[in-house]
Every structure is written in C-alpha cells, then in structure tokens.
C-alpha cells in the first residue's frame, strides 16, 4: 500500500502506521526549517494542517489532537498530526514516550476517513 494519501506539486501526506490516526505532511522540496519555506508554501502547510485537524476531530472525535515537528532524525520540514484518545496505549504521554497500557481502540473505518481527507484537499487545491 502506498503510504501517500495525497500529493501535489508542493506537498505530500503520508500515513504513519499506528494504533491511532496519524498523518504526516511533507514539503516536496526538502527544506530544513519552517523559516526556509517560501511564505506562500508556509501558509499552505498550515492550511493543510488545519484541514487534517478538522477532519480528524470531526471523524474520530478524539480526546486531543497532537501536532509535532521535531525534524531531528529526519532533518526536513514535516508535521505529524495525531488523533489521541484517553484509552490509547500511550495517553497522556507522547506517542514516542513510555507505553502505559495495551489498548484496543474501536475506531471508524480508516479508508472512509482517508477518502474524505483526499476529497477535501483535492477540492481545496484543485489537483
């Protein structure tokens, strides 16, 4: 399965396989820091983030949305967008933190969510 759920000439979005809904937004050009992005691309990156967060909140009804952009191990701009739940294996810790429990989440169908996200991004960016 292709981990990319959306791609245009400036960005692409990957699925991060996990027990929680987790997407990553990348710029096609491997900019090192957010401040290196041309201003219009920076605006687009945040607009795409807004769409992903809104769709995750509406579809999954999570306890919290987590956003991260460390870029230490992969030194290029990318943003993690994660739907978190009180009963996921790590909550309230970060997904990179200590596992607190074995969880079995009952979530709506991922494919339907991905189709909604793709359709919304395609409409927003006319791809």
C-alpha atoms as a PDB file:
ATOM      1  CA  UNK A   1       0.000   0.000   0.000  1.00  0.00           C
ATOM      2  CA  UNK A   2       1.286   3.453  -0.919  1.00  0.00           C
ATOM      3  CA  UNK A   3       1.631   5.421   2.317  1.00  0.00           C
ATOM      4  CA  UNK A   4       0.878   8.684   0.437  1.00  0.00           C
ATOM      5  CA  UNK A   5      -2.767   9.652   0.645  1.00  0.00           C
ATOM      6  CA  UNK A   6      -2.373  12.984  -1.152  1.00  0.00           C
ATOM      7  CA  UNK A   7       0.258  14.603  -3.332  1.00  0.00           C
ATOM      8  CA  UNK A   8       0.555  17.761  -5.399  1.00  0.00           C
ATOM      9  CA  UNK A   9       3.493  19.745  -6.758  1.00  0.00           C
ATOM     10  CA  UNK A  10       4.399  21.222  -3.325  1.00  0.00           C
ATOM     11  CA  UNK A  11       3.414  18.759  -0.593  1.00  0.00           C
ATOM     12  CA  UNK A  12       2.501  15.172   0.103  1.00  0.00           C
ATOM     13  CA  UNK A  13       0.774  13.464   3.022  1.00  0.00           C
ATOM     14  CA  UNK A  14       1.753  10.049   4.371  1.00  0.00           C
ATOM     15  CA  UNK A  15       0.022   7.640   6.690  1.00  0.00           C
ATOM     16  CA  UNK A  16       2.074   6.688   9.730  1.00  0.00           C
ATOM     17  CA  UNK A  17       1.003   3.170  10.676  1.00  0.00           C
ATOM     18  CA  UNK A  18      -0.083   3.229  14.294  1.00  0.00           C
ATOM     19  CA  UNK A  19      -2.950   2.288  16.580  1.00  0.00           C
ATOM     20  CA  UNK A  20      -4.125   5.911  16.331  1.00  0.00           C
ATOM     21  CA  UNK A  21      -4.969   8.003  13.260  1.00  0.00           C
ATOM     22  CA  UNK A  22      -1.615   9.600  12.375  1.00  0.00           C
ATOM     23  CA  UNK A  23      -0.714  11.548   9.262  1.00  0.00           C
ATOM     24  CA  UNK A  24       2.472  13.366   8.269  1.00  0.00           C
ATOM     25  CA  UNK A  25       2.632  16.397   5.982  1.00  0.00           C
ATOM     26  CA  UNK A  26       5.850  16.839   3.985  1.00  0.00           C
ATOM     27  CA  UNK A  27       7.035  19.531   1.623  1.00  0.00           C
ATOM     28  CA  UNK A  28       8.287  18.100  -1.663  1.00  0.00           C
ATOM     29  CA  UNK A  29      11.339  20.315  -1.518  1.00  0.00           C
ATOM     30  CA  UNK A  30      13.424  19.134   1.479  1.00  0.00           C
ATOM     31  CA  UNK A  31      13.571  22.420   3.395  1.00  0.00           C
ATOM     32  CA  UNK A  32      15.450  22.102   6.676  1.00  0.00           C
ATOM     33  CA  UNK A  33      13.480  24.633   8.762  1.00  0.00           C
ATOM     34  CA  UNK A  34       9.974  26.083   8.591  1.00  0.00           C
ATOM     35  CA  UNK A  35      11.549  29.518   8.186  1.00  0.00           C
ATOM     36  CA  UNK A  36      13.253  28.301   4.992  1.00  0.00           C
ATOM     37  CA  UNK A  37       9.919  27.763   3.231  1.00  0.00           C
ATOM     38  CA  UNK A  38       8.681  30.474   0.879  1.00  0.00           C
ATOM     39  CA  UNK A  39       5.922  32.346   2.682  1.00  0.00           C
ATOM     40  CA  UNK A  40       3.130  31.061   0.407  1.00  0.00           C
ATOM     41  CA  UNK A  41       4.201  27.451   0.956  1.00  0.00           C
ATOM     42  CA  UNK A  42       4.317  28.040   4.715  1.00  0.00           C
ATOM     43  CA  UNK A  43       0.726  29.335   4.568  1.00  0.00           C
ATOM     44  CA  UNK A  44      -0.302  26.293   2.545  1.00  0.00           C
ATOM     45  CA  UNK A  45       1.375  23.921   5.008  1.00  0.00           C
ATOM     46  CA  UNK A  46      -0.661  25.375   7.875  1.00  0.00           C
ATOM     47  CA  UNK A  47      -3.853  25.424   5.785  1.00  0.00           C
ATOM     48  CA  UNK A  48      -3.362  21.717   5.047  1.00  0.00           C
ATOM     49  CA  UNK A  49      -2.703  21.095   8.741  1.00  0.00           C
ATOM     50  CA  UNK A  50      -5.981  22.881   9.559  1.00  0.00           C
ATOM     51  CA  UNK A  51      -7.872  20.623   7.143  1.00  0.00           C
ATOM     52  CA  UNK A  52      -6.344  17.453   8.615  1.00  0.00           C
ATOM     53  CA  UNK A  53      -7.047  18.528  12.183  1.00  0.00           C
ATOM     54  CA  UNK A  54     -10.624  19.487  11.373  1.00  0.00           C
ATOM     55  CA  UNK A  55     -11.297  16.226   9.547  1.00  0.00           C
ATOM     56  CA  UNK A  56      -9.722  14.135  12.344  1.00  0.00           C
ATOM     57  CA  UNK A  57     -11.749  15.930  15.000  1.00  0.00           C
ATOM     58  CA  UNK A  58     -14.998  15.550  13.089  1.00  0.00           C
ATOM     59  CA  UNK A  59     -14.494  11.927  12.038  1.00  0.00           C
ATOM     60  CA  UNK A  60     -12.780  10.352  15.053  1.00  0.00           C
ATOM     61  CA  UNK A  61     -13.919  12.614  17.936  1.00  0.00           C
ATOM     62  CA  UNK A  62     -10.552  12.271  19.704  1.00  0.00           C
ATOM     63  CA  UNK A  63      -9.718  13.445  23.202  1.00  0.00           C
ATOM     64  CA  UNK A  64      -6.944  15.629  21.754  1.00  0.00           C
ATOM     65  CA  UNK A  65      -5.108  16.345  18.522  1.00  0.00           C
ATOM     66  CA  UNK A  66      -1.322  16.266  18.820  1.00  0.00           C
ATOM     67  CA  UNK A  67       0.919  18.094  16.378  1.00  0.00           C
ATOM     68  CA  UNK A  68       4.680  17.656  16.271  1.00  0.00           C
ATOM     69  CA  UNK A  69       7.581  18.829  14.155  1.00  0.00           C
ATOM     70  CA  UNK A  70      10.902  17.766  15.640  1.00  0.00           C
ATOM     71  CA  UNK A  71      12.858  17.048  12.459  1.00  0.00           C
ATOM     72  CA  UNK A  72      15.901  15.852  14.366  1.00  0.00           C
ATOM     73  CA  UNK A  73      16.048  12.312  12.993  1.00  0.00           C
ATOM     74  CA  UNK A  74      14.694  13.337   9.582  1.00  0.00           C
ATOM     75  CA  UNK A  75      16.122  16.854   9.147  1.00  0.00           C
ATOM     76  CA  UNK A  76      13.490  18.230   6.791  1.00  0.00           C
ATOM     77  CA  UNK A  77      10.201  20.005   7.285  1.00  0.00           C
ATOM     78  CA  UNK A  78       7.347  17.667   8.121  1.00  0.00           C
ATOM     79  CA  UNK A  79       4.441  17.851  10.543  1.00  0.00           C
ATOM     80  CA  UNK A  80       2.870  14.962  12.432  1.00  0.00           C
ATOM     81  CA  UNK A  81      -0.897  15.167  13.021  1.00  0.00           C
ATOM     82  CA  UNK A  82      -2.218  12.606  15.508  1.00  0.00           C
ATOM     83  CA  UNK A  83      -5.675  11.914  16.921  1.00  0.00           C
ATOM     84  CA  UNK A  84      -5.228  10.931  20.568  1.00  0.00           C
ATOM     85  CA  UNK A  85      -7.616   9.090  22.851  1.00  0.00           C
ATOM     86  CA  UNK A  86      -7.690   8.703  26.640  1.00  0.00           C
ATOM     87  CA  UNK A  87      -7.532   4.951  26.215  1.00  0.00           C
ATOM     88  CA  UNK A  88      -4.764   4.732  23.589  1.00  0.00           C
ATOM     89  CA  UNK A  89      -1.617   2.884  24.677  1.00  0.00           C
ATOM     90  CA  UNK A  90       0.418   6.000  25.444  1.00  0.00           C
ATOM     91  CA  UNK A  91      -2.049   8.720  26.527  1.00  0.00           C
ATOM     92  CA  UNK A  92      -1.316  11.187  28.080  1.00  0.00           C
ATOM     93  CA  UNK A  93       2.324  10.558  27.091  1.00  0.00           C
ATOM     94  CA  UNK A  94       3.531  11.400  23.591  1.00  0.00           C
ATOM     95  CA  UNK A  95       3.441   8.542  21.099  1.00  0.00           C
ATOM     96  CA  UNK A  96       7.247   8.455  21.316  1.00  0.00           C
ATOM     97  CA  UNK A  97       7.080   8.142  25.107  1.00  0.00           C
ATOM     98  CA  UNK A  98       6.538   5.304  27.524  1.00  0.00           C
ATOM     99  CA  UNK A  99       3.718   2.905  26.717  1.00  0.00           C
ATOM    100  CA  UNK A 100       1.273   2.882  29.635  1.00  0.00           C
ATOM    101  CA  UNK A 101      -1.159   0.128  28.675  1.00  0.00           C
ATOM    102  CA  UNK A 102      -2.172  -2.293  25.961  1.00  0.00           C
ATOM    103  CA  UNK A 103      -5.043  -0.653  24.148  1.00  0.00           C
ATOM    104  CA  UNK A 104      -7.567  -1.889  21.654  1.00  0.00           C
ATOM    105  CA  UNK A 105      -9.256   1.120  20.122  1.00  0.00           C
ATOM    106  CA  UNK A 106     -12.547   0.783  18.320  1.00  0.00           C
ATOM    107  CA  UNK A 107     -12.329   3.450  15.612  1.00  0.00           C
ATOM    108  CA  UNK A 108     -14.377   4.167  12.493  1.00  0.00           C
ATOM    109  CA  UNK A 109     -13.091   2.865   9.155  1.00  0.00           C
ATOM    110  CA  UNK A 110      -9.748   4.422   8.204  1.00  0.00           C
ATOM    111  CA  UNK A 111     -10.387   4.154   4.453  1.00  0.00           C
ATOM    112  CA  UNK A 112     -13.512   6.321   4.694  1.00  0.00           C
ATOM    113  CA  UNK A 113     -11.551   8.926   6.629  1.00  0.00           C
ATOM    114  CA  UNK A 114      -8.727   8.933   4.070  1.00  0.00           C
ATOM    115  CA  UNK A 115     -11.223   9.341   1.215  1.00  0.00           C
ATOM    116  CA  UNK A 116     -12.781  12.335   2.988  1.00  0.00           C
ATOM    117  CA  UNK A 117      -9.376  13.946   3.516  1.00  0.00           C
ATOM    118  CA  UNK A 118      -8.291  13.328  -0.078  1.00  0.00           C
ATOM    119  CA  UNK A 119     -11.532  14.746  -1.458  1.00  0.00           C
ATOM    120  CA  UNK A 120     -11.297  17.862   0.693  1.00  0.00           C
ATOM    121  CA  UNK A 121      -7.642  18.510  -0.190  1.00  0.00           C
ATOM    122  CA  UNK A 122      -8.277  17.887  -3.855  1.00  0.00           C
ATOM    123  CA  UNK A 123     -11.126  20.402  -3.809  1.00  0.00           C
ATOM    124  CA  UNK A 124      -9.046  22.966  -1.884  1.00  0.00           C
ATOM    125  CA  UNK A 125      -6.025  22.660  -4.184  1.00  0.00           C
ATOM    126  CA  UNK A 126      -7.734  21.621  -7.440  1.00  0.00           C
ATOM    127  CA  UNK A 127      -5.453  18.659  -8.088  1.00  0.00           C
END
